Amino acid sequence: MKRESIVSLLLQSALLAVLSTAATSAQVPENNVPENEAAWRLAPINIATQADLIPADVRDARNAYWKSRLTEFRTARRHHLEIATAPPLSSDLIPEIPISPKDIWIIGTFNQFIVVPVNPDGKDSTSDVMLYTEITFRVDRIINQPVQSTITNNYSIDEDIPGGVIRLEDGETISQQVHRQRFFAQPGHKYLMRVQPVSDPKGTFVVLKQWEITGGHVQAGSELETRRAGKGDSTLNGMTVDAAIARVKSVIESSPAMKEKE
């Protein structure tokens, strides 16, 4: 084969590679970065105009809890320490529908949120303010709850998480612990949820599992459940909401642990 022909083939191959890369880049986010479902947290909240509907004594108790926790986070950052986090769990080890007598299973809607500023003891300047976000879910339907639980439809469930973004009256913006997250609850969206009440912060709940159901069908709401669905091991993924509710109820009712409670 002539040298000119070889060069021509190499140039064509290189051109095809460039075109292929360009086509792929148009379909896949740069660096394969997934969608950021926590993007709504980036918008600064005007703390002077947001409405806090929580009673003052309950807010004081929640603030006291977060003063301690947020101070720990800040101290760790100042010393260049990482807050320990659990490694990703295998879908082979964690059941898709776990069973615990404390579980509350609901259909909930992300109804509203506020960003709450707190100051460490003895600190008054805005440079020392620390933030947590409080998300409120409206209970649309109760699937299962312990006998001692008294939540009802339209009940509000609060979940507190560290960080947030606020704008002060002088226009200064403060942003803390708001990161890109592939899976995160979004305002106005509806979820199949597994939650439990916690003693601290006072009157709040921890969301143990959630699946996106805004579009009428169940979609994985975590890396764990995405891996399970990817392996074809999910029974909930793709189900209609009614079918998923029936599935959850069936698993709970057939559980030996729950039958022992009866």
C-alpha atoms as a PDB file:
ATOM      1  CA  MET A   1       0.000   0.000   0.000  1.00  0.00           C
ATOM      2  CA  LYS A   2       1.328   3.442  -0.919  1.00  0.00           C
ATOM      3  CA  ARG A   3       2.401   5.869   1.792  1.00  0.00           C
ATOM      4  CA  GLU A   4      -0.249   8.362   0.627  1.00  0.00           C
ATOM      5  CA  SER A   5      -2.992   5.721   1.039  1.00  0.00           C
ATOM      6  CA  ILE A   6      -1.805   4.838   4.545  1.00  0.00           C
ATOM      7  CA  VAL A   7      -1.771   8.493   5.585  1.00  0.00           C
ATOM      8  CA  SER A   8      -5.243   8.963   4.092  1.00  0.00           C
ATOM      9  CA  LEU A   9      -6.606   6.006   6.072  1.00  0.00           C
ATOM     10  CA  LEU A  10      -5.045   7.275   9.285  1.00  0.00           C
ATOM     11  CA  LEU A  11      -6.554  10.709   8.752  1.00  0.00           C
ATOM     12  CA  GLN A  12      -9.984   9.190   8.072  1.00  0.00           C
ATOM     13  CA  SER A  13      -9.730   7.089  11.241  1.00  0.00           C
ATOM     14  CA  ALA A  14      -8.772  10.098  13.293  1.00  0.00           C
ATOM     15  CA  LEU A  15     -11.660  12.108  11.823  1.00  0.00           C
ATOM     16  CA  LEU A  16     -14.132   9.319  12.596  1.00  0.00           C
ATOM     17  CA  ALA A  17     -12.831   9.150  16.163  1.00  0.00           C
ATOM     18  CA  VAL A  18     -13.325  12.895  16.612  1.00  0.00           C
ATOM     19  CA  LEU A  19     -16.851  12.749  15.164  1.00  0.00           C
ATOM     20  CA  SER A  20     -17.710   9.767  17.350  1.00  0.00           C
ATOM     21  CA  THR A  21     -16.445  11.566  20.463  1.00  0.00           C
ATOM     22  CA  ALA A  22     -18.430  14.675  19.561  1.00  0.00           C
ATOM     23  CA  ALA A  23     -21.610  12.653  19.071  1.00  0.00           C
ATOM     24  CA  THR A  24     -21.110  10.906  22.402  1.00  0.00           C
ATOM     25  CA  SER A  25     -20.443  14.197  24.167  1.00  0.00           C
ATOM     26  CA  ALA A  26     -23.744  15.535  22.894  1.00  0.00           C
ATOM     27  CA  GLN A  27     -25.604  12.677  24.571  1.00  0.00           C
ATOM     28  CA  VAL A  28     -23.593  12.113  27.776  1.00  0.00           C
ATOM     29  CA  PRO A  29     -22.819  14.898  30.281  1.00  0.00           C
ATOM     30  CA  GLU A  30     -19.184  16.035  30.398  1.00  0.00           C
ATOM     31  CA  ASN A  31     -17.038  13.707  32.523  1.00  0.00           C
ATOM     32  CA  ASN A  32     -20.124  11.504  32.791  1.00  0.00           C
ATOM     33  CA  VAL A  33     -21.407  13.727  35.625  1.00  0.00           C
ATOM     34  CA  PRO A  34     -24.974  12.700  36.515  1.00  0.00           C
ATOM     35  CA  GLU A  35     -27.898  15.048  36.909  1.00  0.00           C
ATOM     36  CA  ASN A  36     -27.815  17.186  40.046  1.00  0.00           C
ATOM     37  CA  GLU A  37     -31.117  16.722  41.859  1.00  0.00           C
ATOM     38  CA  ALA A  38     -29.951  19.017  44.682  1.00  0.00           C
ATOM     39  CA  ALA A  39     -29.586  22.018  42.340  1.00  0.00           C
ATOM     40  CA  TRP A  40     -32.601  23.736  43.936  1.00  0.00           C
ATOM     41  CA  ARG A  41     -30.521  24.203  47.088  1.00  0.00           C
ATOM     42  CA  LEU A  42     -28.198  26.615  45.260  1.00  0.00           C
ATOM     43  CA  ALA A  43     -30.797  29.415  45.104  1.00  0.00           C
ATOM     44  CA  PRO A  44     -30.244  31.828  48.039  1.00  0.00           C
ATOM     45  CA  ILE A  45     -33.155  32.032  50.485  1.00  0.00           C
ATOM     46  CA  ASN A  46     -34.103  35.401  51.970  1.00  0.00           C
ATOM     47  CA  ILE A  47     -34.293  34.564  55.666  1.00  0.00           C
ATOM     48  CA  ALA A  48     -36.188  37.794  56.373  1.00  0.00           C
ATOM     49  CA  THR A  49     -39.171  36.739  54.273  1.00  0.00           C
ATOM     50  CA  GLN A  50     -39.337  32.940  54.623  1.00  0.00           C
ATOM     51  CA  ALA A  51     -42.107  31.618  56.867  1.00  0.00           C
ATOM     52  CA  ASP A  52     -41.181  29.347  59.782  1.00  0.00           C
ATOM     53  CA  LEU A  53     -44.364  27.555  60.906  1.00  0.00           C
ATOM     54  CA  ILE A  54     -42.706  25.552  63.688  1.00  0.00           C
ATOM     55  CA  PRO A  55     -43.595  26.556  67.286  1.00  0.00           C
ATOM     56  CA  ALA A  56     -40.870  28.616  68.957  1.00  0.00           C
ATOM     57  CA  ASP A  57     -40.081  26.036  71.663  1.00  0.00           C
ATOM     58  CA  VAL A  58     -39.667  23.271  69.070  1.00  0.00           C
ATOM     59  CA  ARG A  59     -37.475  25.496  66.883  1.00  0.00           C
ATOM     60  CA  ASP A  60     -35.308  26.337  69.883  1.00  0.00           C
ATOM     61  CA  ALA A  61     -34.831  22.614  70.580  1.00  0.00           C
ATOM     62  CA  ARG A  62     -33.930  21.885  66.964  1.00  0.00           C
ATOM     63  CA  ASN A  63     -31.515  24.819  66.859  1.00  0.00           C
ATOM     64  CA  ALA A  64     -29.823  23.585  70.038  1.00  0.00           C
ATOM     65  CA  TYR A  65     -29.292  20.184  68.436  1.00  0.00           C
ATOM     66  CA  TRP A  66     -27.874  21.674  65.232  1.00  0.00           C
ATOM     67  CA  LYS A  67     -25.584  24.107  67.078  1.00  0.00           C
ATOM     68  CA  SER A  68     -23.744  21.106  68.457  1.00  0.00           C
ATOM     69  CA  ARG A  69     -23.701  19.115  65.208  1.00  0.00           C
ATOM     70  CA  LEU A  70     -22.739  22.031  62.964  1.00  0.00           C
ATOM     71  CA  THR A  71     -19.983  23.086  65.342  1.00  0.00           C
ATOM     72  CA  GLU A  72     -18.537  19.574  64.996  1.00  0.00           C
ATOM     73  CA  PHE A  73     -18.631  19.917  61.186  1.00  0.00           C
ATOM     74  CA  ARG A  74     -16.944  23.331  61.327  1.00  0.00           C
ATOM     75  CA  THR A  75     -14.229  22.162  63.732  1.00  0.00           C
ATOM     76  CA  ALA A  76     -13.491  19.190  61.475  1.00  0.00           C
ATOM     77  CA  ARG A  77     -13.164  21.433  58.406  1.00  0.00           C
ATOM     78  CA  ARG A  78     -10.840  23.856  60.207  1.00  0.00           C
ATOM     79  CA  HIS A  79      -8.538  20.943  61.045  1.00  0.00           C
ATOM     80  CA  HIS A  80      -8.836  19.523  57.513  1.00  0.00           C
ATOM     81  CA  LEU A  81     -10.612  16.439  58.797  1.00  0.00           C
ATOM     82  CA  GLU A  82     -13.261  14.516  56.920  1.00  0.00           C
ATOM     83  CA  ILE A  83     -16.560  13.612  58.572  1.00  0.00           C
ATOM     84  CA  ALA A  84     -16.770   9.836  58.335  1.00  0.00           C
ATOM     85  CA  THR A  85     -19.430   8.482  55.977  1.00  0.00           C
ATOM     86  CA  ALA A  86     -20.552   4.927  55.426  1.00  0.00           C
ATOM     87  CA  PRO A  87     -19.318   3.189  52.249  1.00  0.00           C
ATOM     88  CA  PRO A  88     -21.879   2.349  49.533  1.00  0.00           C
ATOM     89  CA  LEU A  89     -23.970  -0.654  50.485  1.00  0.00           C
ATOM     90  CA  SER A  90     -24.464  -3.653  48.241  1.00  0.00           C
ATOM     91  CA  SER A  91     -27.986  -4.309  46.976  1.00  0.00           C
ATOM     92  CA  ASP A  92     -27.277  -7.964  47.732  1.00  0.00           C
ATOM     93  CA  LEU A  93     -27.026  -7.199  51.450  1.00  0.00           C
ATOM     94  CA  ILE A  94     -29.900  -4.757  51.943  1.00  0.00           C
ATOM     95  CA  PRO A  95     -33.460  -5.871  51.122  1.00  0.00           C
ATOM     96  CA  GLU A  96     -35.391  -3.725  48.709  1.00  0.00           C
ATOM     97  CA  ILE A  97     -38.236  -3.530  51.242  1.00  0.00           C
ATOM     98  CA  PRO A  98     -36.660  -3.787  54.711  1.00  0.00           C
ATOM     99  CA  ILE A  99     -38.869  -4.643  57.671  1.00  0.00           C
ATOM    100  CA  SER A 100     -38.696  -2.904  61.043  1.00  0.00           C
ATOM    101  CA  PRO A 101     -41.417  -2.427  63.661  1.00  0.00           C
ATOM    102  CA  LYS A 102     -40.532   1.296  63.775  1.00  0.00           C
ATOM    103  CA  ASP A 103     -41.017   1.860  60.034  1.00  0.00           C
ATOM    104  CA  ILE A 104     -43.641   4.198  58.645  1.00  0.00           C
ATOM    105  CA  TRP A 105     -44.369   3.746  54.936  1.00  0.00           C
ATOM    106  CA  ILE A 106     -46.111   6.615  53.195  1.00  0.00           C
ATOM    107  CA  ILE A 107     -46.740   8.406  49.939  1.00  0.00           C
ATOM    108  CA  GLY A 108     -45.385  11.901  50.532  1.00  0.00           C
ATOM    109  CA  THR A 109     -44.998  15.142  48.611  1.00  0.00           C
ATOM    110  CA  PHE A 110     -42.104  17.572  49.089  1.00  0.00           C
ATOM    111  CA  ASN A 111     -44.277  20.458  50.231  1.00  0.00           C
ATOM    112  CA  GLN A 112     -41.873  23.187  51.343  1.00  0.00           C
ATOM    113  CA  PHE A 113     -38.491  23.931  52.902  1.00  0.00           C
ATOM    114  CA  ILE A 114     -36.740  26.617  54.914  1.00  0.00           C
ATOM    115  CA  VAL A 115     -33.077  27.318  55.622  1.00  0.00           C
ATOM    116  CA  VAL A 116     -32.424  27.994  59.308  1.00  0.00           C
ATOM    117  CA  PRO A 117     -29.400  29.996  60.533  1.00  0.00           C
ATOM    118  CA  VAL A 118     -27.916  29.222  63.951  1.00  0.00           C
ATOM    119  CA  ASN A 119     -24.922  30.711  65.749  1.00  0.00           C
ATOM    120  CA  PRO A 120     -22.500  28.851  68.020  1.00  0.00           C
ATOM    121  CA  ASP A 121     -22.602  29.954  71.666  1.00  0.00           C
ATOM    122  CA  GLY A 122     -20.859  33.270  72.142  1.00  0.00           C
ATOM    123  CA  LYS A 123     -20.721  34.074  68.428  1.00  0.00           C
ATOM    124  CA  ASP A 124     -22.813  36.944  67.075  1.00  0.00           C
ATOM    125  CA  SER A 125     -21.286  37.967  63.750  1.00  0.00           C
ATOM    126  CA  THR A 126     -22.735  36.805  60.439  1.00  0.00           C
ATOM    127  CA  SER A 127     -19.383  35.242  59.591  1.00  0.00           C
ATOM    128  CA  ASP A 128     -20.064  32.665  62.306  1.00  0.00           C
ATOM    129  CA  VAL A 129     -23.582  31.731  61.222  1.00  0.00           C
ATOM    130  CA  MET A 130     -24.201  28.058  60.439  1.00  0.00           C
ATOM    131  CA  LEU A 131     -27.074  26.668  58.407  1.00  0.00           C
ATOM    132  CA  TYR A 132     -29.400  23.698  58.224  1.00  0.00           C
ATOM    133  CA  THR A 133     -32.242  23.004  55.840  1.00  0.00           C
ATOM    134  CA  GLU A 134     -35.605  21.700  56.970  1.00  0.00           C
ATOM    135  CA  ILE A 135     -37.662  19.860  54.358  1.00  0.00           C
ATOM    136  CA  THR A 136     -41.373  19.282  54.953  1.00  0.00           C
ATOM    137  CA  PHE A 137     -43.182  16.379  53.304  1.00  0.00           C
ATOM    138  CA  ARG A 138     -46.972  16.272  53.237  1.00  0.00           C
ATOM    139  CA  VAL A 139     -48.372  12.814  53.930  1.00  0.00           C
ATOM    140  CA  ASP A 140     -50.686  11.966  51.033  1.00  0.00           C
ATOM    141  CA  ARG A 141     -51.305   8.349  51.974  1.00  0.00           C
ATOM    142  CA  ILE A 142     -50.315   6.058  54.824  1.00  0.00           C
ATOM    143  CA  ILE A 143     -49.282   2.591  53.698  1.00  0.00           C
ATOM    144  CA  ASN A 144     -48.218   1.186  57.059  1.00  0.00           C
ATOM    145  CA  GLN A 145     -47.298   2.513  60.491  1.00  0.00           C
ATOM    146  CA  PRO A 146     -46.782   1.136  64.013  1.00  0.00           C
ATOM    147  CA  VAL A 147     -49.784   1.002  66.325  1.00  0.00           C
ATOM    148  CA  GLN A 148     -48.313   3.747  68.519  1.00  0.00           C
ATOM    149  CA  SER A 149     -47.817   6.089  65.559  1.00  0.00           C
ATOM    150  CA  THR A 150     -50.561   8.667  65.086  1.00  0.00           C
ATOM    151  CA  ILE A 151     -49.742  10.367  61.783  1.00  0.00           C
ATOM    152  CA  THR A 152     -52.646  10.947  59.419  1.00  0.00           C
ATOM    153  CA  ASN A 153     -53.176  12.100  55.855  1.00  0.00           C
ATOM    154  CA  ASN A 154     -52.050  15.723  55.365  1.00  0.00           C
ATOM    155  CA  TYR A 155     -49.719  15.346  58.355  1.00  0.00           C
ATOM    156  CA  SER A 156     -46.383  17.159  57.945  1.00  0.00           C
ATOM    157  CA  ILE A 157     -43.120  15.240  58.264  1.00  0.00           C
ATOM    158  CA  ASP A 158     -39.964  17.336  58.752  1.00  0.00           C
ATOM    159  CA  GLU A 159     -36.491  16.157  57.760  1.00  0.00           C
ATOM    160  CA  ASP A 160     -33.451  18.234  58.786  1.00  0.00           C
ATOM    161  CA  ILE A 161     -30.184  18.183  56.833  1.00  0.00           C
ATOM    162  CA  PRO A 162     -26.997  20.245  57.281  1.00  0.00           C
ATOM    163  CA  GLY A 163     -26.224  23.245  55.113  1.00  0.00           C
ATOM    164  CA  GLY A 164     -28.065  25.623  52.819  1.00  0.00           C
ATOM    165  CA  VAL A 165     -27.756  28.977  51.046  1.00  0.00           C
ATOM    166  CA  ILE A 166     -29.151  32.237  52.435  1.00  0.00           C
ATOM    167  CA  ARG A 167     -29.124  35.914  51.495  1.00  0.00           C
ATOM    168  CA  LEU A 168     -28.857  38.369  54.377  1.00  0.00           C
ATOM    169  CA  GLU A 169     -30.592  41.751  54.494  1.00  0.00           C
ATOM    170  CA  ASP A 170     -27.376  43.511  53.404  1.00  0.00           C
ATOM    171  CA  GLY A 171     -27.222  41.296  50.294  1.00  0.00           C
ATOM    172  CA  GLU A 172     -24.452  39.011  51.525  1.00  0.00           C
ATOM    173  CA  THR A 173     -24.856  35.377  50.462  1.00  0.00           C
ATOM    174  CA  ILE A 174     -23.747  32.511  52.692  1.00  0.00           C
ATOM    175  CA  SER A 175     -23.474  28.993  51.282  1.00  0.00           C
ATOM    176  CA  GLN A 176     -22.611  25.919  53.331  1.00  0.00           C
ATOM    177  CA  GLN A 177     -22.479  22.176  52.665  1.00  0.00           C
ATOM    178  CA  VAL A 178     -24.457  22.236  49.425  1.00  0.00           C
ATOM    179  CA  HIS A 179     -23.029  19.685  47.012  1.00  0.00           C
ATOM    180  CA  ARG A 180     -23.905  18.046  43.718  1.00  0.00           C
ATOM    181  CA  GLN A 181     -26.023  14.961  44.433  1.00  0.00           C
ATOM    182  CA  ARG A 182     -27.457  12.567  41.887  1.00  0.00           C
ATOM    183  CA  PHE A 183     -30.356  11.541  44.091  1.00  0.00           C
ATOM    184  CA  PHE A 184     -32.106  14.111  46.236  1.00  0.00           C
ATOM    185  CA  ALA A 185     -35.713  15.018  47.057  1.00  0.00           C
ATOM    186  CA  GLN A 186     -37.031  17.865  44.903  1.00  0.00           C
ATOM    187  CA  PRO A 187     -39.717  20.459  45.703  1.00  0.00           C
ATOM    188  CA  GLY A 188     -43.158  19.476  44.423  1.00  0.00           C
ATOM    189  CA  HIS A 189     -42.177  15.867  43.717  1.00  0.00           C
ATOM    190  CA  LYS A 190     -43.989  12.862  45.092  1.00  0.00           C
ATOM    191  CA  TYR A 191     -42.284   9.860  46.714  1.00  0.00           C
ATOM    192  CA  LEU A 192     -42.850   6.386  48.070  1.00  0.00           C
ATOM    193  CA  MET A 193     -41.091   6.711  51.429  1.00  0.00           C
ATOM    194  CA  ARG A 194     -39.861   4.665  54.361  1.00  0.00           C
ATOM    195  CA  VAL A 195     -39.346   6.936  57.383  1.00  0.00           C
ATOM    196  CA  GLN A 196     -38.862   6.727  61.141  1.00  0.00           C
ATOM    197  CA  PRO A 197     -39.300   9.360  63.876  1.00  0.00           C
ATOM    198  CA  VAL A 198     -36.164  10.454  65.727  1.00  0.00           C
ATOM    199  CA  SER A 199     -35.757  12.093  69.121  1.00  0.00           C
ATOM    200  CA  ASP A 200     -33.212  14.639  67.861  1.00  0.00           C
ATOM    201  CA  PRO A 201     -33.771  17.029  66.245  1.00  0.00           C
ATOM    202  CA  LYS A 202     -37.058  17.224  68.180  1.00  0.00           C
ATOM    203  CA  GLY A 203     -40.144  16.152  66.258  1.00  0.00           C
ATOM    204  CA  THR A 204     -38.316  15.274  63.039  1.00  0.00           C
ATOM    205  CA  PHE A 205     -38.073  12.129  60.938  1.00  0.00           C
ATOM    206  CA  VAL A 206     -35.266  10.346  59.136  1.00  0.00           C
ATOM    207  CA  VAL A 207     -35.956   9.300  55.544  1.00  0.00           C
ATOM    208  CA  LEU A 208     -34.534   5.793  55.231  1.00  0.00           C
ATOM    209  CA  LYS A 209     -35.661   5.112  51.660  1.00  0.00           C
ATOM    210  CA  GLN A 210     -37.502   6.953  48.928  1.00  0.00           C
ATOM    211  CA  TRP A 211     -38.533   6.224  45.370  1.00  0.00           C
ATOM    212  CA  GLU A 212     -39.570   8.888  42.854  1.00  0.00           C
ATOM    213  CA  ILE A 213     -43.225   8.403  41.782  1.00  0.00           C
ATOM    214  CA  THR A 214     -44.119  11.845  40.417  1.00  0.00           C
ATOM    215  CA  GLY A 215     -44.615  10.464  36.908  1.00  0.00           C
ATOM    216  CA  GLY A 216     -46.972   7.693  38.054  1.00  0.00           C
ATOM    217  CA  HIS A 217     -44.397   4.876  38.028  1.00  0.00           C
ATOM    218  CA  VAL A 218     -41.710   3.933  40.535  1.00  0.00           C
ATOM    219  CA  GLN A 219     -38.155   5.071  39.797  1.00  0.00           C
ATOM    220  CA  ALA A 220     -35.078   4.285  41.880  1.00  0.00           C
ATOM    221  CA  GLY A 221     -34.268   7.077  44.313  1.00  0.00           C
ATOM    222  CA  SER A 222     -30.771   6.055  45.405  1.00  0.00           C
ATOM    223  CA  GLU A 223     -27.533   4.577  44.100  1.00  0.00           C
ATOM    224  CA  LEU A 224     -28.375   1.360  45.936  1.00  0.00           C
ATOM    225  CA  GLU A 225     -31.736   0.929  44.232  1.00  0.00           C
ATOM    226  CA  THR A 226     -30.314   1.992  40.862  1.00  0.00           C
ATOM    227  CA  ARG A 227     -27.778  -0.822  41.108  1.00  0.00           C
ATOM    228  CA  ARG A 228     -30.516  -3.248  42.129  1.00  0.00           C
ATOM    229  CA  ALA A 229     -32.681  -2.220  39.176  1.00  0.00           C
ATOM    230  CA  GLY A 230     -29.689  -2.396  36.831  1.00  0.00           C
ATOM    231  CA  LYS A 231     -29.140  -6.024  37.810  1.00  0.00           C
ATOM    232  CA  GLY A 232     -32.812  -6.822  37.231  1.00  0.00           C
ATOM    233  CA  ASP A 233     -33.381  -7.603  40.921  1.00  0.00           C
ATOM    234  CA  SER A 234     -35.881  -4.848  41.712  1.00  0.00           C
ATOM    235  CA  THR A 235     -39.546  -5.693  42.187  1.00  0.00           C
ATOM    236  CA  LEU A 236     -40.634  -2.061  42.595  1.00  0.00           C
ATOM    237  CA  ASN A 237     -38.820  -0.284  39.775  1.00  0.00           C
ATOM    238  CA  GLY A 238     -41.209   0.537  36.918  1.00  0.00           C
ATOM    239  CA  MET A 239     -44.351  -0.447  38.844  1.00  0.00           C
ATOM    240  CA  THR A 240     -47.412   1.772  38.965  1.00  0.00           C
ATOM    241  CA  VAL A 241     -47.882   3.515  42.294  1.00  0.00           C
ATOM    242  CA  ASP A 242     -50.868   1.339  43.265  1.00  0.00           C
ATOM    243  CA  ALA A 243     -48.971  -1.851  42.393  1.00  0.00           C
ATOM    244  CA  ALA A 244     -45.966  -0.685  44.428  1.00  0.00           C
ATOM    245  CA  ILE A 245     -48.164   0.066  47.428  1.00  0.00           C
ATOM    246  CA  ALA A 246     -49.692  -3.405  47.187  1.00  0.00           C
ATOM    247  CA  ARG A 247     -46.206  -4.914  46.946  1.00  0.00           C
ATOM    248  CA  VAL A 248     -44.955  -3.090  50.060  1.00  0.00           C
ATOM    249  CA  LYS A 249     -48.054  -4.100  52.021  1.00  0.00           C
ATOM    250  CA  SER A 250     -47.655  -7.723  50.947  1.00  0.00           C
ATOM    251  CA  VAL A 251     -44.016  -7.874  52.062  1.00  0.00           C
ATOM    252  CA  ILE A 252     -44.824  -6.261  55.422  1.00  0.00           C
ATOM    253  CA  GLU A 253     -47.842  -8.484  56.114  1.00  0.00           C
ATOM    254  CA  SER A 254     -45.952 -11.664  55.236  1.00  0.00           C
ATOM    255  CA  SER A 255     -42.921 -10.798  57.379  1.00  0.00           C
ATOM    256  CA  PRO A 256     -42.428 -13.151  60.363  1.00  0.00           C
ATOM    257  CA  ALA A 257     -41.133 -10.185  62.414  1.00  0.00           C
ATOM    258  CA  MET A 258     -44.384  -8.279  61.886  1.00  0.00           C
ATOM    259  CA  LYS A 259     -46.539 -11.327  62.569  1.00  0.00           C
ATOM    260  CA  GLU A 260     -44.830 -11.735  65.953  1.00  0.00           C
ATOM    261  CA  LYS A 261     -45.981  -8.201  66.813  1.00  0.00           C
ATOM    262  CA  GLU A 262     -49.641  -9.076  66.279  1.00  0.00           C
END
